[in-house]
Amino acid sequence: MTEQDYVVRGTTAGGQIRAFAAATKDLTEAARRAHNTSPVATAALGRMLTAGAMMGAMMKGEKDLLTLQIQSQGPLQGITVTADSHGNVKGYVGNPAVCIAANEKGKLDVAGAVGDGILRVIKDMGLKEPYLGQTEIQTGEIAEDLTYYFASSEQVPSSVGLGVLMNKDNTVRQSGGFIIQLMPDTQEEVIERLEKNIGGLKSVTDMLESGLTPTGMLETVLEGFQVEILKSSSCRFFCNCDRERVEKALISIGKKELEEMIQEGKDVELNCHFCSSHYIFTPEDLRQLLKRV
């Protein structure tokens, strides 16, 4: 497990608070390289990937899958991230080359890139229908939008912090976040203490820059509480696409469409949204697939 890429899960206050924190520099950098994202697109995607890694860690089933989606009007043209319960996370943005001016604080304007729209959370837990929750985007900063989502859609009071810091050469310098959640019947004094802590927090990237690990971040956010770390697990940017999967997708389009592609006599190139992998099929490749229809 590298220092940069893992999620910790903890609890405190006699189980009244559950907490997650992650350091995700490597996976955010892997996403940046895969999609050649601009700095503001990297920051937005990195925040969503970090949230996905932590929310994936909340799921219990071996085959559970989580999808986080932002469908919005901003120049970023939306974000899609998927994660599983094993720390694998992948994602993409609609417009990886988006470039807008810094915000009034001189920082990357993620909110401006995201714009107005909807945040959607889909959990496929092997039931007849996946769970779907959605809320309107509140700020476009993503962390605040997820905080609002948890409270309004899942009725779980939460505090979400996410951050990505870029180097001057546009590589990822820091990336990580935390999610703090109150369990039902949390005592008022616990809530008050937590609110005071969160009100005085530095940004996630400031905490990471100061050398804090995910455990250190939780101890900072939960200062005054005795934090018990229950689990630490690695996370990574990983796409499970391969040529065999793409072949099955081509076969599924049907005999007629495949025959038309073959008649055109040109190579067919298919690209994966999640990792930008390219798969090229020659007319002869397509003829072999036709035999399997």
C-alpha atoms as a PDB file:
ATOM      1  CA  MET A   1       0.000   0.000   0.000  1.00  0.00           C
ATOM      2  CA  THR A   2       1.493   3.335  -0.978  1.00  0.00           C
ATOM      3  CA  GLU A   3       1.282   6.212   1.415  1.00  0.00           C
ATOM      4  CA  GLN A   4      -0.782   8.234  -1.052  1.00  0.00           C
ATOM      5  CA  ASP A   5      -3.475   5.776  -1.965  1.00  0.00           C
ATOM      6  CA  TYR A   6      -5.596   4.461   0.854  1.00  0.00           C
ATOM      7  CA  VAL A   7      -8.817   4.965   2.784  1.00  0.00           C
ATOM      8  CA  VAL A   8      -9.157   4.654   6.547  1.00  0.00           C
ATOM      9  CA  ARG A   9     -12.429   4.008   8.333  1.00  0.00           C
ATOM     10  CA  GLY A  10     -12.856   4.973  11.969  1.00  0.00           C
ATOM     11  CA  THR A  11     -15.357   5.568  14.728  1.00  0.00           C
ATOM     12  CA  THR A  12     -15.548   7.601  17.911  1.00  0.00           C
ATOM     13  CA  ALA A  13     -17.897   8.817  20.654  1.00  0.00           C
ATOM     14  CA  GLY A  14     -19.086   5.304  21.407  1.00  0.00           C
ATOM     15  CA  GLY A  15     -20.120   4.666  17.805  1.00  0.00           C
ATOM     16  CA  GLN A  16     -22.064   7.923  17.495  1.00  0.00           C
ATOM     17  CA  ILE A  17     -19.712   9.128  14.744  1.00  0.00           C
ATOM     18  CA  ARG A  18     -18.331   7.173  11.814  1.00  0.00           C
ATOM     19  CA  ALA A  19     -15.524   8.653   9.801  1.00  0.00           C
ATOM     20  CA  PHE A  20     -13.614   8.060   6.581  1.00  0.00           C
ATOM     21  CA  ALA A  21     -10.514   9.748   5.220  1.00  0.00           C
ATOM     22  CA  ALA A  22      -8.432   9.171   2.112  1.00  0.00           C
ATOM     23  CA  ALA A  23      -5.214  10.226   0.463  1.00  0.00           C
ATOM     24  CA  THR A  24      -5.594   9.869  -3.300  1.00  0.00           C
ATOM     25  CA  LYS A  25      -2.675  11.631  -4.976  1.00  0.00           C
ATOM     26  CA  ASP A  26      -1.626   8.664  -7.119  1.00  0.00           C
ATOM     27  CA  LEU A  27      -5.087   7.763  -8.375  1.00  0.00           C
ATOM     28  CA  THR A  28      -5.899  11.394  -9.197  1.00  0.00           C
ATOM     29  CA  GLU A  29      -2.609  11.710 -11.071  1.00  0.00           C
ATOM     30  CA  ALA A  30      -3.374   8.454 -12.919  1.00  0.00           C
ATOM     31  CA  ALA A  31      -6.739   9.908 -13.965  1.00  0.00           C
ATOM     32  CA  ARG A  32      -5.047  13.142 -15.075  1.00  0.00           C
ATOM     33  CA  ARG A  33      -2.619  11.197 -17.258  1.00  0.00           C
ATOM     34  CA  ALA A  34      -5.338   8.948 -18.692  1.00  0.00           C
ATOM     35  CA  HIS A  35      -7.555  11.853 -19.747  1.00  0.00           C
ATOM     36  CA  ASN A  36      -4.973  14.659 -20.161  1.00  0.00           C
ATOM     37  CA  THR A  37      -7.197  16.886 -18.018  1.00  0.00           C
ATOM     38  CA  SER A  38      -6.686  20.604 -17.496  1.00  0.00           C
ATOM     39  CA  PRO A  39      -5.888  21.704 -13.903  1.00  0.00           C
ATOM     40  CA  VAL A  40      -9.492  22.653 -13.069  1.00  0.00           C
ATOM     41  CA  ALA A  41     -10.813  19.431 -14.634  1.00  0.00           C
ATOM     42  CA  THR A  42      -8.224  17.450 -12.653  1.00  0.00           C
ATOM     43  CA  ALA A  43      -9.307  19.157  -9.437  1.00  0.00           C
ATOM     44  CA  ALA A  44     -12.990  18.431 -10.069  1.00  0.00           C
ATOM     45  CA  LEU A  45     -12.412  14.829 -11.150  1.00  0.00           C
ATOM     46  CA  GLY A  46      -9.977  14.214  -8.275  1.00  0.00           C
ATOM     47  CA  ARG A  47     -12.546  15.391  -5.732  1.00  0.00           C
ATOM     48  CA  MET A  48     -15.191  13.065  -7.178  1.00  0.00           C
ATOM     49  CA  LEU A  49     -12.767  10.127  -7.368  1.00  0.00           C
ATOM     50  CA  THR A  50     -11.809  10.681  -3.719  1.00  0.00           C
ATOM     51  CA  ALA A  51     -15.457  10.775  -2.696  1.00  0.00           C
ATOM     52  CA  GLY A  52     -16.041   7.629  -4.732  1.00  0.00           C
ATOM     53  CA  ALA A  53     -13.184   5.803  -3.005  1.00  0.00           C
ATOM     54  CA  MET A  54     -14.559   6.649   0.448  1.00  0.00           C
ATOM     55  CA  MET A  55     -18.191   5.924  -0.433  1.00  0.00           C
ATOM     56  CA  GLY A  56     -17.094   2.649  -2.010  1.00  0.00           C
ATOM     57  CA  ALA A  57     -15.529   1.766   1.344  1.00  0.00           C
ATOM     58  CA  MET A  58     -18.966   2.244   2.934  1.00  0.00           C
ATOM     59  CA  MET A  59     -20.430  -0.583   0.853  1.00  0.00           C
ATOM     60  CA  LYS A  60     -20.466  -4.083   2.299  1.00  0.00           C
ATOM     61  CA  GLY A  61     -21.132  -6.460  -0.598  1.00  0.00           C
ATOM     62  CA  GLU A  62     -18.311  -8.016  -2.638  1.00  0.00           C
ATOM     63  CA  LYS A  63     -20.035  -7.030  -5.895  1.00  0.00           C
ATOM     64  CA  ASP A  64     -21.572  -3.725  -4.792  1.00  0.00           C
ATOM     65  CA  LEU A  65     -21.014  -0.867  -7.244  1.00  0.00           C
ATOM     66  CA  LEU A  66     -21.358   2.869  -6.713  1.00  0.00           C
ATOM     67  CA  THR A  67     -21.816   5.516  -9.406  1.00  0.00           C
ATOM     68  CA  LEU A  68     -21.484   9.242  -8.692  1.00  0.00           C
ATOM     69  CA  GLN A  69     -22.720  11.530 -11.433  1.00  0.00           C
ATOM     70  CA  ILE A  70     -22.852  15.254 -11.880  1.00  0.00           C
ATOM     71  CA  GLN A  71     -25.054  16.332 -14.773  1.00  0.00           C
ATOM     72  CA  SER A  72     -24.594  20.051 -15.102  1.00  0.00           C
ATOM     73  CA  GLN A  73     -24.673  23.068 -17.375  1.00  0.00           C
ATOM     74  CA  GLY A  74     -21.116  24.267 -16.713  1.00  0.00           C
ATOM     75  CA  PRO A  75     -18.191  24.130 -19.166  1.00  0.00           C
ATOM     76  CA  LEU A  76     -16.920  20.902 -17.547  1.00  0.00           C
ATOM     77  CA  GLN A  77     -19.992  19.149 -19.036  1.00  0.00           C
ATOM     78  CA  GLY A  78     -20.463  16.794 -16.109  1.00  0.00           C
ATOM     79  CA  ILE A  79     -18.504  14.155 -14.196  1.00  0.00           C
ATOM     80  CA  THR A  80     -19.030  10.404 -13.872  1.00  0.00           C
ATOM     81  CA  VAL A  81     -17.203   8.223 -11.325  1.00  0.00           C
ATOM     82  CA  THR A  82     -17.714   4.582 -10.411  1.00  0.00           C
ATOM     83  CA  ALA A  83     -16.243   2.706  -7.450  1.00  0.00           C
ATOM     84  CA  ASP A  84     -16.485  -0.746  -5.913  1.00  0.00           C
ATOM     85  CA  SER A  85     -16.043  -2.012  -2.363  1.00  0.00           C
ATOM     86  CA  HIS A  86     -12.447  -3.112  -3.076  1.00  0.00           C
ATOM     87  CA  GLY A  87     -10.925   0.344  -3.555  1.00  0.00           C
ATOM     88  CA  ASN A  88     -11.115   0.403  -7.364  1.00  0.00           C
ATOM     89  CA  VAL A  89     -12.296   3.736  -8.708  1.00  0.00           C
ATOM     90  CA  LYS A  90     -12.465   5.261 -12.194  1.00  0.00           C
ATOM     91  CA  GLY A  91     -14.060   8.270 -13.805  1.00  0.00           C
ATOM     92  CA  TYR A  92     -14.100  10.948 -16.475  1.00  0.00           C
ATOM     93  CA  VAL A  93     -15.310  14.466 -17.188  1.00  0.00           C
ATOM     94  CA  GLY A  94     -17.293  15.628 -20.202  1.00  0.00           C
ATOM     95  CA  ASN A  95     -14.762  18.283 -21.240  1.00  0.00           C
ATOM     96  CA  PRO A  96     -11.247  17.377 -20.032  1.00  0.00           C
ATOM     97  CA  ALA A  97      -9.695  20.461 -21.671  1.00  0.00           C
ATOM     98  CA  VAL A  98     -11.911  23.003 -19.858  1.00  0.00           C
ATOM     99  CA  CYS A  99     -10.026  26.175 -18.974  1.00  0.00           C
ATOM    100  CA  ILE A 100     -11.578  29.033 -16.997  1.00  0.00           C
ATOM    101  CA  ALA A 101     -10.227  31.896 -14.922  1.00  0.00           C
ATOM    102  CA  ALA A 102      -9.365  31.414 -11.247  1.00  0.00           C
ATOM    103  CA  ASN A 103     -12.014  32.283  -8.659  1.00  0.00           C
ATOM    104  CA  GLU A 104     -11.939  35.383  -6.433  1.00  0.00           C
ATOM    105  CA  LYS A 105      -9.577  33.597  -4.019  1.00  0.00           C
ATOM    106  CA  GLY A 106      -7.113  32.930  -6.819  1.00  0.00           C
ATOM    107  CA  LYS A 107      -7.817  29.197  -6.750  1.00  0.00           C
ATOM    108  CA  LEU A 108      -9.043  26.779  -9.388  1.00  0.00           C
ATOM    109  CA  ASP A 109     -12.715  27.557  -9.999  1.00  0.00           C
ATOM    110  CA  VAL A 110     -14.223  24.077  -9.695  1.00  0.00           C
ATOM    111  CA  ALA A 111     -17.666  25.523  -8.912  1.00  0.00           C
ATOM    112  CA  GLY A 112     -17.567  27.660 -12.049  1.00  0.00           C
ATOM    113  CA  ALA A 113     -16.515  24.683 -14.157  1.00  0.00           C
ATOM    114  CA  VAL A 114     -19.260  22.455 -12.727  1.00  0.00           C
ATOM    115  CA  GLY A 115     -22.142  24.940 -12.884  1.00  0.00           C
ATOM    116  CA  ASP A 116     -25.781  24.245 -11.994  1.00  0.00           C
ATOM    117  CA  GLY A 117     -27.299  20.811 -12.306  1.00  0.00           C
ATOM    118  CA  ILE A 118     -27.949  17.556 -10.499  1.00  0.00           C
ATOM    119  CA  LEU A 119     -25.818  15.277  -8.313  1.00  0.00           C
ATOM    120  CA  ARG A 120     -26.874  11.661  -8.678  1.00  0.00           C
ATOM    121  CA  VAL A 121     -25.798   8.683  -6.538  1.00  0.00           C
ATOM    122  CA  ILE A 122     -26.544   5.163  -7.793  1.00  0.00           C
ATOM    123  CA  LYS A 123     -25.818   2.104  -5.639  1.00  0.00           C
ATOM    124  CA  ASP A 124     -26.075  -1.312  -7.271  1.00  0.00           C
ATOM    125  CA  MET A 125     -26.186  -3.773  -4.377  1.00  0.00           C
ATOM    126  CA  GLY A 126     -27.507  -6.814  -6.211  1.00  0.00           C
ATOM    127  CA  LEU A 127     -31.163  -6.031  -5.564  1.00  0.00           C
ATOM    128  CA  LYS A 128     -33.864  -5.959  -8.240  1.00  0.00           C
ATOM    129  CA  GLU A 129     -33.423  -2.230  -8.698  1.00  0.00           C
ATOM    130  CA  PRO A 130     -30.372  -0.102  -7.852  1.00  0.00           C
ATOM    131  CA  TYR A 131     -30.765   2.606  -5.217  1.00  0.00           C
ATOM    132  CA  LEU A 132     -30.951   6.055  -6.798  1.00  0.00           C
ATOM    133  CA  GLY A 133     -30.698   9.302  -4.874  1.00  0.00           C
ATOM    134  CA  GLN A 134     -30.316  12.762  -6.350  1.00  0.00           C
ATOM    135  CA  THR A 135     -30.203  16.359  -5.260  1.00  0.00           C
ATOM    136  CA  GLU A 136     -29.708  19.683  -6.958  1.00  0.00           C
ATOM    137  CA  ILE A 137     -26.147  20.990  -6.974  1.00  0.00           C
ATOM    138  CA  GLN A 138     -25.793  23.557  -4.196  1.00  0.00           C
ATOM    139  CA  THR A 139     -22.383  25.140  -4.818  1.00  0.00           C
ATOM    140  CA  GLY A 140     -20.560  23.066  -7.434  1.00  0.00           C
ATOM    141  CA  GLU A 141     -17.635  22.617  -5.029  1.00  0.00           C
ATOM    142  CA  ILE A 142     -18.590  18.896  -4.796  1.00  0.00           C
ATOM    143  CA  ALA A 143     -17.825  18.448  -1.067  1.00  0.00           C
ATOM    144  CA  GLU A 144     -20.670  20.763  -0.068  1.00  0.00           C
ATOM    145  CA  ASP A 145     -22.923  19.117  -2.627  1.00  0.00           C
ATOM    146  CA  LEU A 146     -22.249  15.685  -1.144  1.00  0.00           C
ATOM    147  CA  THR A 147     -22.794  17.045   2.374  1.00  0.00           C
ATOM    148  CA  TYR A 148     -26.210  18.264   1.229  1.00  0.00           C
ATOM    149  CA  TYR A 149     -26.925  14.970  -0.557  1.00  0.00           C
ATOM    150  CA  PHE A 150     -26.221  12.844   2.536  1.00  0.00           C
ATOM    151  CA  ALA A 151     -28.447  15.006   4.728  1.00  0.00           C
ATOM    152  CA  SER A 152     -31.379  15.407   2.340  1.00  0.00           C
ATOM    153  CA  SER A 153     -31.403  12.128   0.392  1.00  0.00           C
ATOM    154  CA  GLU A 154     -30.018   9.604   2.897  1.00  0.00           C
ATOM    155  CA  GLN A 155     -30.984  11.506   6.079  1.00  0.00           C
ATOM    156  CA  VAL A 156     -27.449  11.144   7.449  1.00  0.00           C
ATOM    157  CA  PRO A 157     -26.016  14.429   8.840  1.00  0.00           C
ATOM    158  CA  SER A 158     -22.503  14.568   7.392  1.00  0.00           C
ATOM    159  CA  SER A 159     -19.503  16.775   6.776  1.00  0.00           C
ATOM    160  CA  VAL A 160     -17.512  16.187   3.598  1.00  0.00           C
ATOM    161  CA  GLY A 161     -14.121  17.717   2.822  1.00  0.00           C
ATOM    162  CA  LEU A 162     -12.364  17.195  -0.509  1.00  0.00           C
ATOM    163  CA  GLY A 163      -9.317  18.813  -2.053  1.00  0.00           C
ATOM    164  CA  VAL A 164      -6.834  18.602  -4.927  1.00  0.00           C
ATOM    165  CA  LEU A 165      -3.679  20.706  -5.145  1.00  0.00           C
ATOM    166  CA  MET A 166      -1.738  21.007  -8.391  1.00  0.00           C
ATOM    167  CA  ASN A 167       1.962  21.505  -9.047  1.00  0.00           C
ATOM    168  CA  LYS A 168       3.096  24.261 -11.414  1.00  0.00           C
ATOM    169  CA  ASP A 169       3.748  21.631 -14.088  1.00  0.00           C
ATOM    170  CA  ASN A 170       0.055  20.646 -13.782  1.00  0.00           C
ATOM    171  CA  THR A 171       0.762  17.303 -12.123  1.00  0.00           C
ATOM    172  CA  VAL A 172      -1.063  16.442  -8.895  1.00  0.00           C
ATOM    173  CA  ARG A 173       0.655  17.574  -5.701  1.00  0.00           C
ATOM    174  CA  GLN A 174      -1.981  16.547  -3.131  1.00  0.00           C
ATOM    175  CA  SER A 175      -5.381  14.907  -3.248  1.00  0.00           C
ATOM    176  CA  GLY A 176      -7.596  13.567  -0.500  1.00  0.00           C
ATOM    177  CA  GLY A 177     -10.622  14.082   1.685  1.00  0.00           C
ATOM    178  CA  PHE A 178     -12.772  13.040   4.605  1.00  0.00           C
ATOM    179  CA  ILE A 179     -16.407  12.157   5.343  1.00  0.00           C
ATOM    180  CA  ILE A 180     -17.729  12.457   8.902  1.00  0.00           C
ATOM    181  CA  GLN A 181     -21.214  11.097   9.620  1.00  0.00           C
ATOM    182  CA  LEU A 182     -23.477  11.225  12.664  1.00  0.00           C
ATOM    183  CA  MET A 183     -25.360   8.104  13.608  1.00  0.00           C
ATOM    184  CA  PRO A 184     -28.994   8.308  14.816  1.00  0.00           C
ATOM    185  CA  ASP A 185     -29.505   9.696  18.345  1.00  0.00           C
ATOM    186  CA  THR A 186     -26.085  11.360  18.538  1.00  0.00           C
ATOM    187  CA  GLN A 187     -25.846  13.349  21.770  1.00  0.00           C
ATOM    188  CA  GLU A 188     -26.099  17.148  21.526  1.00  0.00           C
ATOM    189  CA  GLU A 189     -22.717  17.758  23.187  1.00  0.00           C
ATOM    190  CA  VAL A 190     -21.052  15.481  20.620  1.00  0.00           C
ATOM    191  CA  ILE A 191     -22.658  17.425  17.783  1.00  0.00           C
ATOM    192  CA  GLU A 192     -21.618  20.768  19.283  1.00  0.00           C
ATOM    193  CA  ARG A 193     -18.006  19.655  19.719  1.00  0.00           C
ATOM    194  CA  LEU A 194     -17.853  18.346  16.176  1.00  0.00           C
ATOM    195  CA  GLU A 195     -19.373  21.520  14.712  1.00  0.00           C
ATOM    196  CA  LYS A 196     -16.792  23.615  16.576  1.00  0.00           C
ATOM    197  CA  ASN A 197     -13.960  21.461  15.207  1.00  0.00           C
ATOM    198  CA  ILE A 198     -15.218  21.627  11.637  1.00  0.00           C
ATOM    199  CA  GLY A 199     -15.709  25.385  11.882  1.00  0.00           C
ATOM    200  CA  GLY A 200     -12.005  25.854  12.625  1.00  0.00           C
ATOM    201  CA  LEU A 201     -10.593  23.414  10.080  1.00  0.00           C
ATOM    202  CA  LYS A 202      -7.936  24.193   7.501  1.00  0.00           C
ATOM    203  CA  SER A 203      -8.579  22.966   3.969  1.00  0.00           C
ATOM    204  CA  VAL A 204      -7.950  19.321   3.089  1.00  0.00           C
ATOM    205  CA  THR A 205      -4.978  20.258   0.918  1.00  0.00           C
ATOM    206  CA  ASP A 206      -3.493  22.389   3.724  1.00  0.00           C
ATOM    207  CA  MET A 207      -3.763  19.390   6.053  1.00  0.00           C
ATOM    208  CA  LEU A 208      -2.131  17.106   3.480  1.00  0.00           C
ATOM    209  CA  GLU A 209       0.595  19.678   2.759  1.00  0.00           C
ATOM    210  CA  SER A 210       1.401  19.812   6.466  1.00  0.00           C
ATOM    211  CA  GLY A 211       2.129  16.078   6.327  1.00  0.00           C
ATOM    212  CA  LEU A 212      -1.077  14.694   7.792  1.00  0.00           C
ATOM    213  CA  THR A 213      -2.041  11.148   6.811  1.00  0.00           C
ATOM    214  CA  PRO A 214      -5.697  10.124   6.526  1.00  0.00           C
ATOM    215  CA  THR A 215      -5.555   9.008  10.171  1.00  0.00           C
ATOM    216  CA  GLY A 216      -4.023  12.367  11.069  1.00  0.00           C
ATOM    217  CA  MET A 217      -6.813  14.166   9.241  1.00  0.00           C
ATOM    218  CA  LEU A 218      -9.443  12.262  11.211  1.00  0.00           C
ATOM    219  CA  GLU A 219      -7.654  13.017  14.478  1.00  0.00           C
ATOM    220  CA  THR A 220      -7.629  16.709  13.517  1.00  0.00           C
ATOM    221  CA  VAL A 221     -11.285  16.831  12.474  1.00  0.00           C
ATOM    222  CA  LEU A 222     -12.247  14.821  15.566  1.00  0.00           C
ATOM    223  CA  GLU A 223      -9.981  16.631  18.017  1.00  0.00           C
ATOM    224  CA  GLY A 224     -11.114  15.963  21.582  1.00  0.00           C
ATOM    225  CA  PHE A 225     -12.537  12.582  20.652  1.00  0.00           C
ATOM    226  CA  GLN A 226     -10.769   9.221  20.949  1.00  0.00           C
ATOM    227  CA  VAL A 227     -10.594   7.975  17.360  1.00  0.00           C
ATOM    228  CA  GLU A 228     -10.536   4.234  16.748  1.00  0.00           C
ATOM    229  CA  ILE A 229      -9.339   3.184  13.279  1.00  0.00           C
ATOM    230  CA  LEU A 230     -11.321   0.115  12.248  1.00  0.00           C
ATOM    231  CA  LYS A 231      -9.880  -0.516   8.799  1.00  0.00           C
ATOM    232  CA  SER A 232      -7.279   0.748   6.345  1.00  0.00           C
ATOM    233  CA  SER A 233      -7.521  -0.300   2.697  1.00  0.00           C
ATOM    234  CA  SER A 234      -5.751   0.633  -0.523  1.00  0.00           C
ATOM    235  CA  CYS A 235      -7.477   2.425  -3.376  1.00  0.00           C
ATOM    236  CA  ARG A 236      -6.437   2.947  -6.979  1.00  0.00           C
ATOM    237  CA  PHE A 237      -7.531   4.286 -10.337  1.00  0.00           C
ATOM    238  CA  PHE A 238      -8.494   1.098 -12.126  1.00  0.00           C
ATOM    239  CA  CYS A 239     -10.600   0.380 -15.191  1.00  0.00           C
ATOM    240  CA  ASN A 240     -11.747  -3.179 -15.865  1.00  0.00           C
ATOM    241  CA  CYS A 241     -12.197  -2.679 -19.585  1.00  0.00           C
ATOM    242  CA  ASP A 242     -10.313  -5.077 -21.870  1.00  0.00           C
ATOM    243  CA  ARG A 243     -10.488  -6.281 -25.463  1.00  0.00           C
ATOM    244  CA  GLU A 244     -12.725  -9.224 -24.557  1.00  0.00           C
ATOM    245  CA  ARG A 245     -15.329  -6.905 -22.997  1.00  0.00           C
ATOM    246  CA  VAL A 246     -15.242  -4.632 -26.042  1.00  0.00           C
ATOM    247  CA  GLU A 247     -15.649  -7.668 -28.329  1.00  0.00           C
ATOM    248  CA  LYS A 248     -18.780  -8.680 -26.390  1.00  0.00           C
ATOM    249  CA  ALA A 249     -20.131  -5.151 -26.770  1.00  0.00           C
ATOM    250  CA  LEU A 250     -19.571  -5.282 -30.523  1.00  0.00           C
ATOM    251  CA  ILE A 251     -21.241  -8.685 -30.793  1.00  0.00           C
ATOM    252  CA  SER A 252     -24.219  -7.348 -28.852  1.00  0.00           C
ATOM    253  CA  ILE A 253     -24.989  -4.708 -31.505  1.00  0.00           C
ATOM    254  CA  GLY A 254     -26.171  -7.477 -33.831  1.00  0.00           C
ATOM    255  CA  LYS A 255     -25.418  -9.153 -37.122  1.00  0.00           C
ATOM    256  CA  LYS A 256     -26.732  -6.417 -39.420  1.00  0.00           C
ATOM    257  CA  GLU A 257     -24.632  -3.628 -37.885  1.00  0.00           C
ATOM    258  CA  LEU A 258     -21.490  -5.767 -37.914  1.00  0.00           C
ATOM    259  CA  GLU A 259     -22.021  -6.659 -41.591  1.00  0.00           C
ATOM    260  CA  GLU A 260     -22.394  -2.953 -42.437  1.00  0.00           C
ATOM    261  CA  MET A 261     -19.114  -2.173 -40.628  1.00  0.00           C
ATOM    262  CA  ILE A 262     -17.345  -4.952 -42.541  1.00  0.00           C
ATOM    263  CA  GLN A 263     -18.709  -3.713 -45.883  1.00  0.00           C
ATOM    264  CA  GLU A 264     -17.243  -0.261 -45.204  1.00  0.00           C
ATOM    265  CA  GLY A 265     -13.833  -1.940 -45.205  1.00  0.00           C
ATOM    266  CA  LYS A 266     -12.366   0.369 -42.552  1.00  0.00           C
ATOM    267  CA  ASP A 267     -10.851  -0.234 -39.140  1.00  0.00           C
ATOM    268  CA  VAL A 268     -13.238   0.453 -36.268  1.00  0.00           C
ATOM    269  CA  GLU A 269     -11.803   2.252 -33.231  1.00  0.00           C
ATOM    270  CA  LEU A 270     -13.600   2.122 -29.889  1.00  0.00           C
ATOM    271  CA  ASN A 271     -12.508   4.193 -26.897  1.00  0.00           C
ATOM    272  CA  CYS A 272     -13.209   3.671 -23.199  1.00  0.00           C
ATOM    273  CA  HIS A 273     -14.720   6.745 -21.522  1.00  0.00           C
ATOM    274  CA  PHE A 274     -13.270   5.807 -18.141  1.00  0.00           C
ATOM    275  CA  CYS A 275      -9.590   5.261 -18.991  1.00  0.00           C
ATOM    276  CA  SER A 276      -9.205   6.463 -22.613  1.00  0.00           C
ATOM    277  CA  SER A 277      -7.946   3.060 -23.785  1.00  0.00           C
ATOM    278  CA  HIS A 278      -8.226   2.525 -27.558  1.00  0.00           C
ATOM    279  CA  TYR A 279      -9.351  -0.726 -29.174  1.00  0.00           C
ATOM    280  CA  ILE A 280      -8.967  -1.147 -32.940  1.00  0.00           C
ATOM    281  CA  PHE A 281     -10.808  -3.818 -34.908  1.00  0.00           C
ATOM    282  CA  THR A 282      -9.888  -4.528 -38.541  1.00  0.00           C
ATOM    283  CA  PRO A 283     -12.509  -5.787 -41.012  1.00  0.00           C
ATOM    284  CA  GLU A 284     -11.028  -9.273 -40.521  1.00  0.00           C
ATOM    285  CA  ASP A 285     -11.439  -8.929 -36.726  1.00  0.00           C
ATOM    286  CA  LEU A 286     -15.067  -7.986 -37.310  1.00  0.00           C
ATOM    287  CA  ARG A 287     -15.575 -11.015 -39.593  1.00  0.00           C
ATOM    288  CA  GLN A 288     -14.344 -13.269 -36.777  1.00  0.00           C
ATOM    289  CA  LEU A 289     -16.761 -11.582 -34.351  1.00  0.00           C
ATOM    290  CA  LEU A 290     -19.613 -12.072 -36.849  1.00  0.00           C
ATOM    291  CA  LYS A 291     -19.148 -15.834 -36.554  1.00  0.00           C
ATOM    292  CA  ARG A 292     -19.918 -15.542 -32.815  1.00  0.00           C
ATOM    293  CA  VAL A 293     -23.199 -13.641 -33.230  1.00  0.00           C
END
